[in-house]
N, C-alpha and C. Protein backbone atom coordinates (compact mmCIF):
# COMPACT_ATOMS: atom_id res chain seq x y z
N UNK A 1 8.65 27.38 10.38
CA UNK A 1 9.04 26.47 11.52
C UNK A 1 7.95 25.26 11.50
N UNK A 2 8.50 24.15 11.55
CA UNK A 2 7.68 22.95 11.58
C UNK A 2 7.64 22.58 13.02
N UNK A 3 6.28 22.40 13.48
CA UNK A 3 6.07 22.02 14.94
C UNK A 3 4.98 21.01 15.07
N UNK A 4 5.09 20.28 16.01
CA UNK A 4 4.14 19.27 16.36
C UNK A 4 3.27 19.45 17.60
N UNK A 5 2.11 19.13 17.56
CA UNK A 5 1.18 19.35 18.86
C UNK A 5 0.24 18.05 18.79
N UNK A 6 -0.42 18.08 19.97
CA UNK A 6 -1.44 17.11 20.19
C UNK A 6 -2.73 17.38 19.54
N UNK A 7 -2.84 18.67 19.06
CA UNK A 7 -4.10 19.00 18.44
C UNK A 7 -4.05 18.47 16.96
N UNK A 8 -2.91 18.23 16.42
CA UNK A 8 -2.68 17.72 15.10
C UNK A 8 -3.02 16.23 15.05
N UNK A 9 -3.44 15.68 13.97
CA UNK A 9 -3.56 14.30 13.82
C UNK A 9 -2.59 13.93 12.61
N UNK A 10 -2.16 12.61 12.73
CA UNK A 10 -1.12 12.12 11.90
C UNK A 10 -1.61 11.04 11.05
N UNK A 11 -1.32 11.24 9.79
CA UNK A 11 -1.88 10.12 8.76
C UNK A 11 -0.68 9.54 8.09
N UNK A 12 -0.53 8.16 8.27
CA UNK A 12 0.48 7.56 7.58
C UNK A 12 0.00 6.96 6.25
N UNK A 13 0.71 7.33 5.24
CA UNK A 13 0.36 6.78 3.75
C UNK A 13 0.96 5.33 3.75
N UNK A 14 0.03 4.45 3.45
CA UNK A 14 0.41 2.93 3.59
C UNK A 14 1.26 2.29 2.66
N UNK A 15 1.57 2.91 1.52
CA UNK A 15 2.42 2.30 0.41
C UNK A 15 3.74 3.11 0.50
N UNK A 16 4.82 2.38 -0.03
CA UNK A 16 6.23 2.93 -0.05
C UNK A 16 6.11 4.14 -0.98
N UNK A 17 6.85 5.16 -0.70
CA UNK A 17 6.65 6.53 -1.43
C UNK A 17 8.03 6.79 -2.25
N UNK A 18 7.82 7.23 -3.38
CA UNK A 18 9.08 7.65 -4.07
C UNK A 18 9.55 9.09 -3.55
N UNK A 19 10.74 9.01 -2.91
CA UNK A 19 11.14 10.26 -2.12
C UNK A 19 11.56 11.38 -2.97
N UNK A 20 11.46 11.22 -4.34
CA UNK A 20 11.74 12.36 -5.32
C UNK A 20 10.57 13.16 -5.30
N UNK A 21 9.39 12.79 -4.76
CA UNK A 21 8.15 13.59 -4.82
C UNK A 21 8.24 14.76 -4.00
N UNK A 22 7.84 15.94 -4.43
CA UNK A 22 7.82 17.18 -3.69
C UNK A 22 6.39 17.49 -3.17
N UNK A 23 6.16 18.70 -2.95
CA UNK A 23 4.90 19.14 -2.43
C UNK A 23 3.68 18.68 -3.36
N UNK A 24 3.84 18.96 -4.72
CA UNK A 24 2.64 18.62 -5.52
C UNK A 24 2.48 17.10 -5.57
N UNK A 25 3.55 16.36 -5.67
CA UNK A 25 3.34 14.78 -5.79
C UNK A 25 2.81 14.25 -4.54
N UNK A 26 3.26 14.69 -3.24
CA UNK A 26 2.92 14.18 -2.07
C UNK A 26 1.38 14.63 -1.85
N UNK A 27 1.08 15.83 -2.07
CA UNK A 27 -0.31 16.30 -1.85
C UNK A 27 -1.24 15.54 -2.84
N UNK A 28 -0.87 15.29 -4.02
CA UNK A 28 -1.57 14.35 -4.97
C UNK A 28 -1.93 13.01 -4.34
N UNK A 29 -0.90 12.39 -3.65
CA UNK A 29 -1.06 11.05 -2.93
C UNK A 29 -2.22 11.25 -1.99
N UNK A 30 -2.12 12.35 -1.06
CA UNK A 30 -3.18 12.50 -0.20
C UNK A 30 -4.52 12.73 -0.60
N UNK A 31 -4.59 13.56 -1.87
CA UNK A 31 -5.95 13.56 -2.47
C UNK A 31 -6.50 12.36 -2.99
N UNK A 32 -5.70 11.49 -3.55
CA UNK A 32 -5.96 10.26 -4.17
C UNK A 32 -6.34 9.06 -3.10
N UNK A 33 -5.56 9.06 -2.09
CA UNK A 33 -5.55 7.91 -1.27
C UNK A 33 -6.01 8.08 0.30
N UNK A 34 -5.98 9.40 0.76
CA UNK A 34 -6.27 9.61 2.05
C UNK A 34 -7.44 10.64 1.97
N UNK A 35 -8.59 10.31 2.64
CA UNK A 35 -9.73 11.10 2.54
C UNK A 35 -9.66 11.97 3.62
N UNK A 36 -8.85 13.14 3.51
CA UNK A 36 -8.69 14.13 4.57
C UNK A 36 -8.26 15.39 3.96
N UNK A 37 -8.66 16.62 4.46
CA UNK A 37 -8.45 17.91 3.95
C UNK A 37 -6.86 18.25 4.06
N UNK A 38 -6.19 18.44 2.97
CA UNK A 38 -4.74 18.70 3.11
C UNK A 38 -4.46 20.03 3.86
N UNK A 39 -5.36 20.97 3.91
CA UNK A 39 -5.08 22.22 4.56
C UNK A 39 -5.70 22.30 5.99
N UNK A 40 -5.76 21.12 6.57
CA UNK A 40 -6.33 21.07 8.00
C UNK A 40 -5.34 21.35 8.99
N UNK A 41 -4.00 21.31 8.77
CA UNK A 41 -2.98 21.51 9.64
C UNK A 41 -2.42 20.10 10.14
N UNK A 42 -3.07 19.01 9.71
CA UNK A 42 -2.64 17.68 10.15
C UNK A 42 -1.41 17.37 9.37
N UNK A 43 -0.75 16.26 9.88
CA UNK A 43 0.58 15.91 9.31
C UNK A 43 0.33 14.65 8.58
N UNK A 44 0.93 14.57 7.32
CA UNK A 44 0.83 13.44 6.51
C UNK A 44 2.26 12.73 6.42
N UNK A 45 2.46 11.53 6.58
CA UNK A 45 3.70 10.92 6.87
C UNK A 45 3.87 9.87 5.63
N UNK A 46 4.99 9.97 5.02
CA UNK A 46 5.45 9.11 3.92
C UNK A 46 6.81 8.41 4.16
N UNK A 47 6.89 7.13 3.93
CA UNK A 47 8.16 6.33 4.10
C UNK A 47 8.36 5.71 2.73
N UNK A 48 9.79 5.50 2.51
CA UNK A 48 10.24 4.89 1.26
C UNK A 48 10.12 3.36 1.46
N UNK A 49 10.58 2.53 0.52
CA UNK A 49 10.37 1.16 0.60
C UNK A 49 11.38 0.64 1.76
N UNK A 50 12.56 1.14 1.91
CA UNK A 50 13.56 0.56 2.75
C UNK A 50 13.30 1.17 4.16
N UNK A 51 12.32 2.18 4.29
CA UNK A 51 12.00 2.79 5.51
C UNK A 51 13.18 3.56 6.23
N UNK A 52 14.14 3.95 5.38
CA UNK A 52 15.17 4.74 5.93
C UNK A 52 15.12 6.22 5.75
N UNK A 53 13.98 6.58 5.09
CA UNK A 53 13.73 8.03 4.71
C UNK A 53 12.33 8.22 5.02
N UNK A 54 12.10 9.55 5.56
CA UNK A 54 10.69 9.80 5.87
C UNK A 54 10.46 11.24 5.49
N UNK A 55 9.21 11.62 5.05
CA UNK A 55 8.88 12.93 4.67
C UNK A 55 7.52 13.24 5.42
N UNK A 56 7.43 14.38 6.01
CA UNK A 56 6.16 14.83 6.59
C UNK A 56 5.65 16.07 5.86
N UNK A 57 4.44 16.07 5.56
CA UNK A 57 3.72 17.21 4.83
C UNK A 57 2.79 17.73 5.73
N UNK A 58 2.72 19.21 5.77
CA UNK A 58 1.82 19.75 6.65
C UNK A 58 1.47 21.16 5.98
N UNK A 59 0.25 21.60 6.13
CA UNK A 59 -0.17 22.95 5.78
C UNK A 59 -0.07 23.78 7.08
N UNK A 60 0.54 25.07 7.02
CA UNK A 60 0.76 25.86 8.30
C UNK A 60 0.20 27.22 8.07
N UNK A 61 -0.84 27.40 7.38
CA UNK A 61 -1.59 28.67 7.13
C UNK A 61 -1.06 29.58 6.08
N UNK A 62 0.27 29.45 5.82
CA UNK A 62 0.92 30.32 4.73
C UNK A 62 1.22 29.48 3.59
N UNK A 63 1.26 28.09 3.67
CA UNK A 63 1.83 27.35 2.67
C UNK A 63 2.09 25.91 3.31
N UNK A 64 2.46 25.06 2.24
CA UNK A 64 2.90 23.78 2.81
C UNK A 64 4.34 23.77 3.34
N UNK A 65 4.61 22.93 4.32
CA UNK A 65 5.81 22.79 4.89
C UNK A 65 6.20 21.17 4.79
N UNK A 66 7.46 20.99 4.41
CA UNK A 66 7.90 19.59 4.23
C UNK A 66 9.17 19.37 5.07
N UNK A 67 9.11 18.28 5.73
CA UNK A 67 10.23 17.93 6.62
C UNK A 67 10.74 16.55 6.01
N UNK A 68 11.98 16.49 5.75
CA UNK A 68 12.56 15.22 5.22
C UNK A 68 13.76 14.85 6.12
N UNK A 69 13.83 13.45 6.41
CA UNK A 69 14.92 13.00 7.23
C UNK A 69 15.33 11.64 6.48
N UNK A 70 16.72 11.53 6.43
CA UNK A 70 17.40 10.30 6.02
C UNK A 70 18.10 9.78 7.16
N UNK A 71 17.81 8.51 7.53
CA UNK A 71 18.50 7.83 8.59
C UNK A 71 19.92 7.29 8.20
N UNK A 72 20.94 7.56 8.93
CA UNK A 72 22.16 6.91 8.62
C UNK A 72 22.22 5.42 9.03
N UNK A 73 21.51 4.96 9.97
CA UNK A 73 21.43 3.61 10.44
C UNK A 73 20.00 3.33 10.89
N UNK A 74 19.61 1.96 10.67
CA UNK A 74 18.36 1.63 11.06
C UNK A 74 17.16 2.07 10.21
N UNK A 75 15.95 1.85 10.60
CA UNK A 75 14.77 2.13 9.82
C UNK A 75 13.69 2.80 10.76
N UNK A 76 12.81 3.49 10.09
CA UNK A 76 11.64 3.98 10.87
C UNK A 76 10.67 2.77 11.07
N UNK A 77 10.27 2.52 12.32
CA UNK A 77 9.35 1.43 12.56
C UNK A 77 7.87 1.92 12.27
N UNK A 78 6.96 1.05 12.08
CA UNK A 78 5.58 1.35 11.74
C UNK A 78 4.77 1.20 13.08
């Protein structure tokens, strides 16, 4: 189950992301560009160029969880 809380911090990856990336590719982006521990329980946010798709990556004590949403209309605002 993917849950959100105020105890978590949220990190937005600043560049457009290829939404074909999975767990390994997204965690590699965090390691290279975001100076933060992947297994902290915090949430890492990735948007594609058109900002109509979003992926959230989080470690939940047993493994990585990935949430993916594709908007039918509009875009994710920054």
